[in-house]
Amino acid sequence: MGAVMTDTPAPASGAPLRLFNSLTRQLEPFAPVHPGEARVYSCGPTVYNYQHIGNMRAYVFADTLGRTLSFKGYDLRHVINITDVGHLTSDADAGDDKMEKAATSLGKSAREIADFYTDEFKRDLQWLNVRDPVKWTVATQYVPQMIEFAKAIADKHCYELDSGLYFDVSTVPDYGRLARAVTDEGEGRIEEVASKRHAADFAIWRKTPPGETRQMEWDSPWGMGAPGWHLECSVMGEEELGFPFDIHTGGIDHREIHHPNEIAQNQAYRGAGSLDCAEHSGARMWMHNNFLIDRGGKMSKSAGEFLRLQLLYDRGYHPLAYRLMCLQAHYRSELEFSWEGLGAALTRLKRLVMGVAPVRDIPAAAVEDRRLTDLLDKFDAAISDDLNTSVALTLLEDVIAMKRIDAAQKRAAIGTIDGVLGISLLDVLRGDLRIRPKAAAITDEEIETALARRKEARAAKDFATSDKLRDELIAAGVEVMDGDPLGWDWRLEN
């Protein structure tokens, strides 16, 4: 359980890496628990449905953090969990198990549901160029360890009711400090359960009700049942990274209930020390990305379209445009979604890809030009300042725009910055960004035929026919780009 502590600075030279710790609400220098390593745990999805693009922002953030740690010279050990049991229909520890409910409604097994939506989630990550973690941890594969963890804290910190084993939040100091929302009544959104000692107490183990049989249940000292959602991350984090590890990430919604409960369990497991020492929480730092919001009210499931990456693709937007949209805002700021904003991000992405094209296939060379090294130093300072990706993007554009510069060095500088931002500029071609909208009524072949006819008309100075063909293409959602080698693109209007 113990870990060797060190204040060793980052092994790479450059600006010191400073990150915002949600637990202390302040910027702190990154000091690894293990010299030269960075151990990061990210809360993964509950795989009962497709992931909303708002959920996917968390993984763009975590990937950017991981890429930054790699850039700074650390050996990254990143773990992401897959929750396939234990997460109830309310994040506030109430309702039915999401997996069981989805399986029943779709007439499939919980395992089938989990496998299908896990694959869909991983495909979304690939679309966003999110790197795979060192390890995926799947909750159902750690149930024996969860039972042992619960047994280790049960006597001093838990009590048993007919419905399960509950954690008594009064047995650890500073409960709820992460959320900063503790009241005399406790967390009001926690499920009301008869006989609970405190409103904020939460389930460690949920017993299967008498007369019922669940698809996923295990025997335990507290009867047949399943682990609580909060227990899973405590166990998988400790098992794979060891307490304390460096950074725990998640969406800001986890900051209010899930992570405070996880921290309480970690405190109990490590001796119930005060959170004045952040390491008692199980991690040195807790980091959270803010919400994706939609002021136009078109983003929710109730609007009739589940806003996931597939829908963006079906409308003709490359998924990397969404990654770029996320990078344009600081991860701790709310990010407003609109189709107009996504379209602007796609346009910016196209310009970046076009700007990189002249040096894409040139072998990289060591960067020695002072103008480039100055820009790389500024980039290092920006990304080391709590992942300031918006400034980093403008610096990338400055590098791309540089004239009279050695092409091989320029290519290397672009590769360095893009390696952190993860936009795939050295791999994606401009034509790759021309995605056919699902609702398009004209095919690529028909477009090419119309353009050939238009070229012939222009050569014959038949400008009436040329203009008529252009207008027909525009009406079909096609933007004609005279003089551009690409020739045409989809006109995306919302």
Protein backbone atom coordinates (compact mmCIF):
# COMPACT_ATOMS: atom_id res chain seq x y z
CA MET A 1 0.00 0.00 0.00
CA GLY A 2 2.83 2.39 0.75
CA ALA A 3 4.71 4.18 -2.00
CA VAL A 4 8.12 5.75 -2.26
CA MET A 5 7.66 9.50 -2.20
CA THR A 6 9.85 11.88 -4.16
CA ASP A 7 10.03 15.56 -4.99
CA THR A 8 12.14 14.85 -8.05
CA PRO A 9 11.43 17.46 -10.74
CA ALA A 10 10.30 16.51 -14.21
CA PRO A 11 13.07 14.64 -16.03
CA ALA A 12 12.64 16.76 -19.15
CA SER A 13 13.90 20.32 -19.33
CA GLY A 14 11.61 23.23 -20.00
CA ALA A 15 8.79 24.99 -18.18
CA PRO A 16 7.62 23.39 -14.91
CA LEU A 17 4.33 21.55 -15.32
CA ARG A 18 1.58 23.07 -13.16
CA LEU A 19 -1.89 21.51 -12.95
CA PHE A 20 -5.12 22.47 -11.20
CA ASN A 21 -5.95 20.18 -8.29
CA SER A 22 -9.71 20.10 -7.71
CA LEU A 23 -9.16 18.86 -4.16
CA THR A 24 -7.16 21.91 -3.09
CA ARG A 25 -8.70 24.29 -5.69
CA GLN A 26 -5.30 25.59 -6.71
CA LEU A 27 -2.56 25.19 -9.29
CA GLU A 28 0.20 22.88 -8.12
CA PRO A 29 3.51 21.73 -9.59
CA PHE A 30 3.43 18.17 -10.83
CA ALA A 31 5.73 16.07 -8.63
CA PRO A 32 5.52 12.35 -9.46
CA VAL A 33 5.11 9.76 -6.75
CA HIS A 34 7.56 7.52 -8.58
CA PRO A 35 10.60 9.18 -10.19
CA GLY A 36 10.25 9.45 -13.95
CA GLU A 37 6.73 7.97 -13.99
CA ALA A 38 3.26 9.45 -14.25
CA ARG A 39 0.42 7.23 -13.05
CA VAL A 40 -3.04 8.38 -14.09
CA TYR A 41 -6.47 6.86 -13.56
CA SER A 42 -9.45 8.07 -15.60
CA CYS A 43 -13.05 7.20 -14.84
CA GLY A 44 -14.37 5.37 -17.88
CA PRO A 45 -17.91 4.95 -19.17
CA THR A 46 -20.77 2.80 -17.99
CA VAL A 47 -21.30 0.76 -21.13
CA TYR A 48 -25.10 0.55 -21.26
CA ASN A 49 -25.52 2.93 -24.20
CA TYR A 50 -23.60 5.01 -26.73
CA GLN A 51 -21.49 7.83 -25.33
CA HIS A 52 -22.72 11.39 -25.74
CA ILE A 53 -20.15 13.83 -27.14
CA GLY A 54 -20.30 15.60 -23.78
CA ASN A 55 -18.97 12.42 -22.17
CA MET A 56 -16.25 12.20 -24.82
CA ARG A 57 -14.83 15.59 -23.81
CA ALA A 58 -13.45 13.89 -20.70
CA TYR A 59 -11.31 11.57 -22.80
CA VAL A 60 -9.99 14.32 -25.06
CA PHE A 61 -8.95 16.09 -21.85
CA ALA A 62 -7.39 12.97 -20.31
CA ASP A 63 -5.59 12.19 -23.57
CA THR A 64 -4.20 15.73 -23.75
CA LEU A 65 -3.01 15.39 -20.16
CA GLY A 66 -1.36 12.05 -20.95
CA ARG A 67 0.28 13.41 -24.10
CA THR A 68 1.58 16.38 -22.11
CA LEU A 69 3.07 14.11 -19.46
CA SER A 70 4.76 12.07 -22.20
CA PHE A 71 6.02 15.30 -23.81
CA LYS A 72 7.48 16.36 -20.47
CA GLY A 73 9.48 13.14 -20.37
CA TYR A 74 7.47 10.93 -18.04
CA ASP A 75 6.82 7.24 -18.55
CA LEU A 76 3.03 7.32 -18.63
CA ARG A 77 0.94 4.59 -17.02
CA HIS A 78 -2.65 5.49 -17.83
CA VAL A 79 -5.58 3.31 -16.77
CA ILE A 80 -9.20 3.72 -17.91
CA ASN A 81 -11.96 1.59 -16.44
CA ILE A 82 -15.02 0.10 -18.08
CA THR A 83 -18.02 -0.01 -15.74
CA ASP A 84 -20.13 -3.03 -16.64
CA VAL A 85 -21.89 -3.48 -13.28
CA GLY A 86 -22.86 -1.47 -10.23
CA HIS A 87 -23.69 1.96 -11.69
CA LEU A 88 -27.29 2.77 -10.89
CA THR A 89 -29.65 4.81 -13.05
CA SER A 90 -28.98 7.82 -10.84
CA ASP A 91 -25.42 8.92 -10.20
CA ALA A 92 -26.70 9.66 -6.71
CA ASP A 93 -26.69 5.95 -5.81
CA ALA A 94 -30.36 5.30 -6.53
CA GLY A 95 -32.47 3.28 -8.94
CA ASP A 96 -31.77 0.14 -10.94
CA ASP A 97 -28.41 -1.05 -12.23
CA LYS A 98 -27.93 0.59 -15.63
CA MET A 99 -26.57 -2.58 -17.19
CA GLU A 100 -29.37 -4.81 -15.90
CA LYS A 101 -32.00 -2.29 -17.01
CA ALA A 102 -30.53 -1.98 -20.53
CA ALA A 103 -30.29 -5.76 -20.87
CA THR A 104 -33.92 -6.24 -19.85
CA SER A 105 -35.23 -3.51 -22.16
CA LEU A 106 -33.30 -4.85 -25.17
CA GLY A 107 -33.81 -8.53 -24.49
CA LYS A 108 -30.09 -9.23 -24.37
CA SER A 109 -27.65 -10.37 -21.74
CA ALA A 110 -25.79 -7.76 -19.72
CA ARG A 111 -22.54 -9.16 -21.14
CA GLU A 112 -23.77 -8.65 -24.71
CA ILE A 113 -24.77 -5.08 -23.89
CA ALA A 114 -21.41 -4.36 -22.26
CA ASP A 115 -19.35 -5.84 -25.09
CA PHE A 116 -21.26 -3.99 -27.81
CA TYR A 117 -21.13 -0.55 -26.20
CA THR A 118 -17.50 -1.03 -25.12
CA ASP A 119 -16.57 -1.60 -28.75
CA GLU A 120 -18.56 1.48 -29.79
CA PHE A 121 -16.83 3.58 -27.14
CA LYS A 122 -13.39 2.43 -28.24
CA ARG A 123 -14.26 3.23 -31.85
CA ASP A 124 -15.19 6.76 -30.78
CA LEU A 125 -11.83 7.09 -29.07
CA GLN A 126 -10.07 6.04 -32.26
CA TRP A 127 -12.07 8.61 -34.24
CA LEU A 128 -10.91 11.29 -31.80
CA ASN A 129 -7.30 10.06 -31.96
CA VAL A 130 -7.32 9.30 -28.23
CA ARG A 131 -4.46 6.98 -27.39
CA ASP A 132 -5.21 3.65 -25.75
CA PRO A 133 -4.37 3.50 -22.05
CA VAL A 134 -1.71 1.14 -20.81
CA LYS A 135 -4.54 -0.93 -19.39
CA TRP A 136 -8.31 -1.14 -19.64
CA THR A 137 -9.81 -2.32 -16.37
CA VAL A 138 -13.23 -3.99 -16.54
CA ALA A 139 -15.22 -3.85 -13.31
CA THR A 140 -16.57 -7.41 -13.38
CA GLN A 141 -13.01 -8.75 -13.57
CA TYR A 142 -12.15 -7.19 -10.19
CA VAL A 143 -15.06 -8.31 -8.02
CA PRO A 144 -12.93 -10.61 -5.78
CA GLN A 145 -10.60 -7.68 -5.08
CA MET A 146 -13.62 -5.46 -4.39
CA ILE A 147 -14.86 -7.90 -1.78
CA GLU A 148 -11.44 -7.98 -0.10
CA PHE A 149 -11.26 -4.17 -0.15
CA ALA A 150 -14.72 -3.94 1.42
CA LYS A 151 -13.77 -6.49 4.08
CA ALA A 152 -10.67 -4.42 4.94
CA ILE A 153 -12.74 -1.31 5.76
CA ALA A 154 -16.04 -2.85 6.89
CA ASP A 155 -15.40 -3.14 10.64
CA LYS A 156 -14.40 0.49 11.19
CA HIS A 157 -16.24 2.30 8.45
CA CYS A 158 -19.32 0.36 7.34
CA TYR A 159 -22.57 -1.05 8.63
CA GLU A 160 -24.99 -3.59 7.24
CA LEU A 161 -28.67 -3.11 6.39
CA ASP A 162 -31.14 -5.41 4.71
CA SER A 163 -30.34 -3.78 1.39
CA GLY A 164 -26.56 -3.99 1.63
CA LEU A 165 -23.33 -2.79 3.19
CA TYR A 166 -23.12 0.98 3.64
CA PHE A 167 -20.21 3.33 4.20
CA ASP A 168 -20.54 5.67 7.19
CA VAL A 169 -19.19 9.00 5.95
CA SER A 170 -18.72 10.28 9.52
CA THR A 171 -15.85 7.81 10.02
CA VAL A 172 -13.44 9.76 7.79
CA PRO A 173 -12.42 13.41 8.13
CA ASP A 174 -13.26 16.01 5.50
CA TYR A 175 -15.95 14.04 3.70
CA GLY A 176 -17.15 16.02 0.68
CA ARG A 177 -14.22 18.45 0.58
CA LEU A 178 -13.75 17.76 -3.13
CA ALA A 179 -17.34 18.81 -3.89
CA ARG A 180 -17.30 21.71 -1.42
CA ALA A 181 -21.01 21.05 -0.97
CA VAL A 182 -21.35 19.49 2.46
CA THR A 183 -24.32 20.55 4.60
CA ASP A 184 -25.64 19.41 7.98
CA GLU A 185 -27.99 17.13 6.12
CA GLY A 186 -25.26 15.72 3.92
CA GLU A 187 -25.46 15.38 0.16
CA GLY A 188 -29.13 15.81 -0.66
CA ARG A 189 -29.03 13.82 -3.89
CA ILE A 190 -28.01 10.57 -2.22
CA GLU A 191 -30.78 7.98 -2.13
CA GLU A 192 -32.92 7.96 0.97
CA VAL A 193 -32.67 4.48 2.49
CA ALA A 194 -34.48 3.56 5.69
CA SER A 195 -32.13 3.13 8.67
CA LYS A 196 -29.13 4.83 7.06
CA ARG A 197 -27.14 6.63 9.72
CA HIS A 198 -26.51 9.70 7.57
CA ALA A 199 -28.12 10.94 4.39
CA ALA A 200 -24.76 10.91 2.59
CA ASP A 201 -23.91 7.29 3.47
CA PHE A 202 -23.57 5.17 0.33
CA ALA A 203 -23.61 1.53 -0.66
CA ILE A 204 -20.41 -0.49 -0.78
CA TRP A 205 -22.26 -3.72 -1.58
CA ARG A 206 -25.86 -4.08 -2.75
CA LYS A 207 -27.66 -7.25 -1.78
CA THR A 208 -29.90 -8.96 -4.29
CA PRO A 209 -33.46 -8.50 -2.96
CA PRO A 210 -35.13 -11.67 -1.65
CA GLY A 211 -36.83 -13.63 -4.42
CA GLU A 212 -34.86 -11.91 -7.22
CA THR A 213 -32.02 -13.15 -9.39
CA ARG A 214 -29.76 -10.72 -11.16
CA GLN A 215 -27.78 -11.43 -14.30
CA MET A 216 -24.66 -10.23 -12.52
CA GLU A 217 -24.35 -11.17 -8.87
CA TRP A 218 -21.67 -12.64 -6.64
CA ASP A 219 -21.51 -14.22 -3.23
CA SER A 220 -19.98 -12.14 -0.46
CA PRO A 221 -19.87 -11.95 3.36
CA TRP A 222 -22.97 -9.74 3.07
CA GLY A 223 -24.94 -12.08 0.84
CA MET A 224 -25.48 -12.42 -2.89
CA GLY A 225 -25.28 -9.10 -4.68
CA ALA A 226 -23.09 -6.70 -6.60
CA PRO A 227 -20.54 -4.01 -5.73
CA GLY A 228 -21.39 -0.34 -5.51
CA TRP A 229 -20.23 1.91 -8.33
CA HIS A 230 -17.91 3.95 -6.12
CA LEU A 231 -16.09 0.87 -4.82
CA GLU A 232 -15.03 -0.18 -8.31
CA CYS A 233 -12.74 2.76 -9.05
CA SER A 234 -11.11 2.65 -5.61
CA VAL A 235 -10.22 -0.99 -6.12
CA MET A 236 -9.06 -0.76 -9.72
CA GLY A 237 -7.00 2.36 -9.04
CA GLU A 238 -5.24 0.78 -6.08
CA GLU A 239 -4.80 -2.58 -7.81
CA GLU A 240 -3.22 -1.19 -10.99
CA LEU A 241 -1.48 2.00 -9.86
CA GLY A 242 -1.02 1.68 -6.10
CA PHE A 243 -2.01 4.26 -3.50
CA PRO A 244 -1.19 7.04 -3.79
CA PHE A 245 -0.90 7.47 -7.54
CA ASP A 246 -0.37 10.77 -9.30
CA ILE A 247 -3.58 11.96 -10.94
CA HIS A 248 -7.23 10.91 -11.00
CA THR A 249 -9.32 12.45 -13.79
CA GLY A 250 -13.00 12.64 -14.65
CA GLY A 251 -15.83 14.90 -15.69
CA ILE A 252 -16.89 17.67 -13.33
CA ASP A 253 -20.13 15.77 -12.62
CA HIS A 254 -18.02 13.16 -10.80
CA ARG A 255 -16.68 15.87 -8.50
CA GLU A 256 -19.99 16.08 -6.64
CA ILE A 257 -20.79 12.49 -5.62
CA HIS A 258 -18.77 9.71 -7.22
CA HIS A 259 -15.30 11.05 -6.47
CA PRO A 260 -16.05 12.23 -2.91
CA ASN A 261 -17.32 8.72 -2.16
CA GLU A 262 -14.33 7.16 -3.84
CA ILE A 263 -12.04 9.39 -1.79
CA ALA A 264 -13.80 8.40 1.45
CA GLN A 265 -13.21 4.72 0.68
CA ASN A 266 -9.57 5.42 -0.15
CA GLN A 267 -9.11 7.34 3.10
CA ALA A 268 -10.60 4.45 5.05
CA TYR A 269 -8.35 1.93 3.29
CA ARG A 270 -5.26 4.04 4.01
CA GLY A 271 -5.93 4.75 7.67
CA ALA A 272 -8.53 7.54 7.59
CA GLY A 273 -6.08 10.42 7.43
CA SER A 274 -7.09 14.03 6.87
CA LEU A 275 -7.40 15.43 3.36
CA ASP A 276 -5.06 18.22 4.42
CA CYS A 277 -2.63 15.68 3.02
CA ALA A 278 -4.05 15.13 -0.48
CA GLU A 279 -2.33 11.75 -0.79
CA HIS A 280 -4.77 10.29 1.76
CA SER A 281 -7.39 10.62 -0.98
CA GLY A 282 -5.63 7.92 -2.99
CA ALA A 283 -4.18 10.33 -5.54
CA ARG A 284 -1.97 13.37 -5.28
CA MET A 285 -4.15 15.35 -7.66
CA TRP A 286 -7.78 15.22 -8.79
CA MET A 287 -8.51 16.87 -12.13
CA HIS A 288 -11.88 17.50 -13.78
CA ASN A 289 -12.99 18.82 -17.14
CA ASN A 290 -16.02 21.09 -17.29
CA PHE A 291 -19.33 20.47 -19.04
CA LEU A 292 -20.21 20.65 -22.70
CA ILE A 293 -23.33 22.81 -22.81
CA ASP A 294 -25.91 23.63 -25.44
CA ARG A 295 -27.77 26.88 -24.90
CA GLY A 296 -29.91 26.14 -27.93
CA GLY A 297 -31.35 23.04 -26.27
CA LYS A 298 -30.65 20.73 -29.21
CA MET A 299 -28.11 18.46 -27.56
CA SER A 300 -30.21 16.23 -25.33
CA LYS A 301 -31.69 12.85 -26.14
CA SER A 302 -35.17 14.34 -25.82
CA ALA A 303 -34.51 16.53 -28.88
CA GLY A 304 -34.84 13.39 -30.98
CA GLU A 305 -31.18 12.97 -31.90
CA PHE A 306 -28.67 11.38 -29.55
CA LEU A 307 -25.68 13.64 -30.01
CA ARG A 308 -22.81 11.23 -30.43
CA LEU A 309 -19.86 11.15 -32.78
CA GLN A 310 -21.73 9.03 -35.29
CA LEU A 311 -24.32 11.80 -35.70
CA LEU A 312 -21.57 14.35 -36.29
CA TYR A 313 -20.08 12.05 -38.91
CA ASP A 314 -23.47 11.47 -40.53
CA ARG A 315 -23.84 15.22 -40.91
CA GLY A 316 -20.48 15.46 -42.65
CA TYR A 317 -18.22 16.55 -39.78
CA HIS A 318 -14.95 14.73 -39.27
CA PRO A 319 -14.63 13.65 -35.61
CA LEU A 320 -11.28 15.44 -35.34
CA ALA A 321 -13.20 18.70 -35.78
CA TYR A 322 -14.82 17.94 -32.43
CA ARG A 323 -11.42 17.25 -30.87
CA LEU A 324 -10.22 20.60 -32.19
CA MET A 325 -13.38 22.23 -30.84
CA CYS A 326 -12.53 20.85 -27.39
CA LEU A 327 -8.93 22.05 -27.62
CA GLN A 328 -10.06 25.59 -28.49
CA ALA A 329 -11.41 25.95 -24.94
CA HIS A 330 -9.59 25.37 -21.66
CA TYR A 331 -10.60 22.03 -20.17
CA ARG A 332 -11.83 23.73 -16.98
CA SER A 333 -14.10 26.11 -18.91
CA GLU A 334 -17.61 25.32 -20.04
CA LEU A 335 -17.61 24.52 -23.74
CA GLU A 336 -20.66 25.64 -25.66
CA PHE A 337 -21.76 23.33 -28.45
CA SER A 338 -23.38 24.59 -31.62
CA TRP A 339 -23.38 23.30 -35.16
CA GLU A 340 -22.01 26.66 -36.26
CA GLY A 341 -19.14 26.32 -33.81
CA LEU A 342 -18.43 22.80 -34.99
CA GLY A 343 -18.45 24.03 -38.59
CA ALA A 344 -15.93 26.74 -37.68
CA ALA A 345 -13.72 24.12 -36.04
CA LEU A 346 -13.89 22.00 -39.19
CA THR A 347 -12.88 24.99 -41.29
CA ARG A 348 -9.95 25.65 -38.96
CA LEU A 349 -8.96 21.99 -39.15
CA LYS A 350 -8.97 22.14 -42.96
CA ARG A 351 -6.73 25.20 -42.90
CA LEU A 352 -4.31 23.46 -40.55
CA VAL A 353 -4.19 20.39 -42.78
CA MET A 354 -3.65 22.58 -45.87
CA GLY A 355 -0.88 24.49 -44.09
CA VAL A 356 0.96 21.34 -43.10
CA ALA A 357 0.69 19.71 -46.53
CA PRO A 358 3.89 21.22 -48.04
CA VAL A 359 6.11 19.69 -45.32
CA ARG A 360 4.15 16.55 -44.47
CA ASP A 361 6.35 14.15 -46.44
CA ILE A 362 9.68 15.81 -45.66
CA PRO A 363 11.90 13.92 -43.17
CA ALA A 364 12.13 15.83 -39.89
CA ALA A 365 15.39 17.39 -38.76
CA ALA A 366 16.61 18.71 -35.43
CA VAL A 367 15.15 22.13 -34.70
CA GLU A 368 17.93 24.70 -34.50
CA ASP A 369 16.38 27.83 -36.01
CA ARG A 370 15.97 30.40 -33.24
CA ARG A 371 12.55 31.49 -34.42
CA LEU A 372 11.26 27.92 -34.19
CA THR A 373 12.90 27.20 -30.84
CA ASP A 374 11.36 30.37 -29.41
CA LEU A 375 7.90 29.25 -30.56
CA LEU A 376 8.48 25.77 -29.14
CA ASP A 377 9.50 27.32 -25.82
CA LYS A 378 6.28 29.33 -25.82
CA PHE A 379 4.33 26.19 -26.63
CA ASP A 380 6.01 24.36 -23.75
CA ALA A 381 5.12 27.22 -21.41
CA ALA A 382 1.49 27.23 -22.57
CA ILE A 383 0.88 23.49 -22.32
CA SER A 384 2.74 23.39 -18.98
CA ASP A 385 0.39 26.07 -17.66
CA ASP A 386 -2.47 23.72 -16.79
CA LEU A 387 -2.83 22.50 -20.39
CA ASN A 388 -3.50 25.83 -22.07
CA THR A 389 -4.45 24.29 -25.40
CA SER A 390 -6.08 27.40 -26.87
CA VAL A 391 -2.77 29.27 -26.75
CA ALA A 392 -0.95 26.15 -27.94
CA LEU A 393 -3.16 26.05 -31.03
CA THR A 394 -2.34 29.64 -31.98
CA LEU A 395 1.36 28.84 -31.61
CA LEU A 396 0.91 25.84 -33.89
CA GLU A 397 -0.65 28.14 -36.46
CA ASP A 398 2.28 30.53 -36.04
CA VAL A 399 4.71 27.72 -36.83
CA ILE A 400 2.70 26.63 -39.89
CA ALA A 401 2.57 30.22 -41.17
CA MET A 402 6.33 30.79 -40.93
CA LYS A 403 8.06 31.65 -44.22
CA ARG A 404 11.70 31.26 -45.28
CA ILE A 405 12.30 28.52 -42.76
CA ASP A 406 14.00 25.16 -43.17
CA ALA A 407 11.22 22.74 -44.18
CA ALA A 408 12.65 19.76 -42.29
CA GLN A 409 12.91 21.75 -39.06
CA LYS A 410 9.43 23.17 -39.57
CA ARG A 411 8.06 19.68 -40.05
CA ALA A 412 9.74 18.58 -36.80
CA ALA A 413 8.29 21.51 -34.86
CA ILE A 414 4.80 20.80 -36.19
CA GLY A 415 5.19 17.14 -35.23
CA THR A 416 6.24 18.06 -31.69
CA ILE A 417 3.23 20.30 -31.10
CA ASP A 418 0.77 18.01 -32.85
CA GLY A 419 2.08 15.11 -30.81
CA VAL A 420 0.67 16.84 -27.73
CA LEU A 421 -2.53 18.23 -29.25
CA GLY A 422 -3.26 14.96 -31.05
CA ILE A 423 -4.90 16.38 -34.18
CA SER A 424 -3.11 13.97 -36.57
CA LEU A 425 -2.00 16.76 -38.88
CA LEU A 426 0.81 14.68 -40.33
CA ASP A 427 -1.50 11.79 -41.16
CA VAL A 428 -4.86 13.28 -42.16
CA LEU A 429 -5.24 14.46 -45.73
CA ARG A 430 -7.56 17.26 -46.73
CA GLY A 431 -9.64 14.85 -48.77
CA ASP A 432 -10.17 12.76 -45.63
CA LEU A 433 -12.12 15.66 -44.15
CA ARG A 434 -14.61 15.64 -47.02
CA ILE A 435 -17.22 13.37 -45.47
CA ARG A 436 -20.46 12.75 -47.31
CA PRO A 437 -23.45 13.82 -45.19
CA LYS A 438 -25.86 10.95 -44.72
CA ALA A 439 -28.74 13.07 -46.02
CA ALA A 440 -26.91 14.15 -49.17
CA ALA A 441 -28.98 13.49 -52.29
CA ILE A 442 -26.07 13.57 -54.70
CA THR A 443 -23.17 11.14 -55.00
CA ASP A 444 -19.48 11.90 -55.36
CA GLU A 445 -19.58 10.48 -58.88
CA GLU A 446 -22.45 12.77 -59.85
CA ILE A 447 -20.53 15.73 -58.47
CA GLU A 448 -17.44 14.85 -60.49
CA THR A 449 -19.57 14.47 -63.63
CA ALA A 450 -21.19 17.86 -63.08
CA LEU A 451 -17.81 19.49 -62.50
CA ALA A 452 -16.44 17.96 -65.71
CA ARG A 453 -19.41 19.34 -67.63
CA ARG A 454 -18.89 22.71 -66.01
CA LYS A 455 -15.22 22.70 -66.98
CA GLU A 456 -16.19 22.01 -70.59
CA ALA A 457 -18.79 24.79 -70.50
CA ARG A 458 -16.27 27.29 -69.17
CA ALA A 459 -13.72 26.28 -71.80
CA ALA A 460 -16.39 26.94 -74.44
CA LYS A 461 -17.19 30.28 -72.75
CA ASP A 462 -20.72 29.01 -72.10
CA PHE A 463 -20.94 30.86 -68.80
CA ALA A 464 -24.72 30.48 -68.51
CA THR A 465 -24.39 26.69 -68.40
CA SER A 466 -21.37 26.94 -66.12
CA ASP A 467 -23.25 29.14 -63.64
CA LYS A 468 -26.33 26.90 -63.83
CA LEU A 469 -24.26 23.79 -62.96
CA ARG A 470 -22.56 25.64 -60.12
CA ASP A 471 -25.89 26.76 -58.69
CA GLU A 472 -27.27 23.22 -58.93
CA LEU A 473 -24.28 21.88 -57.02
CA ILE A 474 -24.64 24.56 -54.35
CA ALA A 475 -28.33 23.68 -53.99
CA ALA A 476 -27.26 20.05 -53.46
CA GLY A 477 -24.91 21.10 -50.65
CA VAL A 478 -21.69 21.13 -52.69
CA GLU A 479 -19.23 24.00 -52.55
CA VAL A 480 -17.38 24.47 -55.85
CA MET A 481 -13.80 25.64 -55.31
CA ASP A 482 -12.43 27.01 -58.57
CA GLY A 483 -8.63 26.97 -58.69
CA ASP A 484 -8.34 24.63 -55.72
CA PRO A 485 -6.73 21.24 -56.42
CA LEU A 486 -9.37 19.57 -54.24
CA GLY A 487 -12.04 20.98 -56.55
CA TRP A 488 -15.07 20.77 -54.30
CA ASP A 489 -16.28 20.23 -50.79
CA TRP A 490 -19.54 19.69 -48.99
CA ARG A 491 -21.31 22.87 -47.99
CA LEU A 492 -22.47 22.29 -44.42
CA GLU A 493 -25.40 24.47 -43.39
CA ASN A 494 -27.47 24.13 -40.23
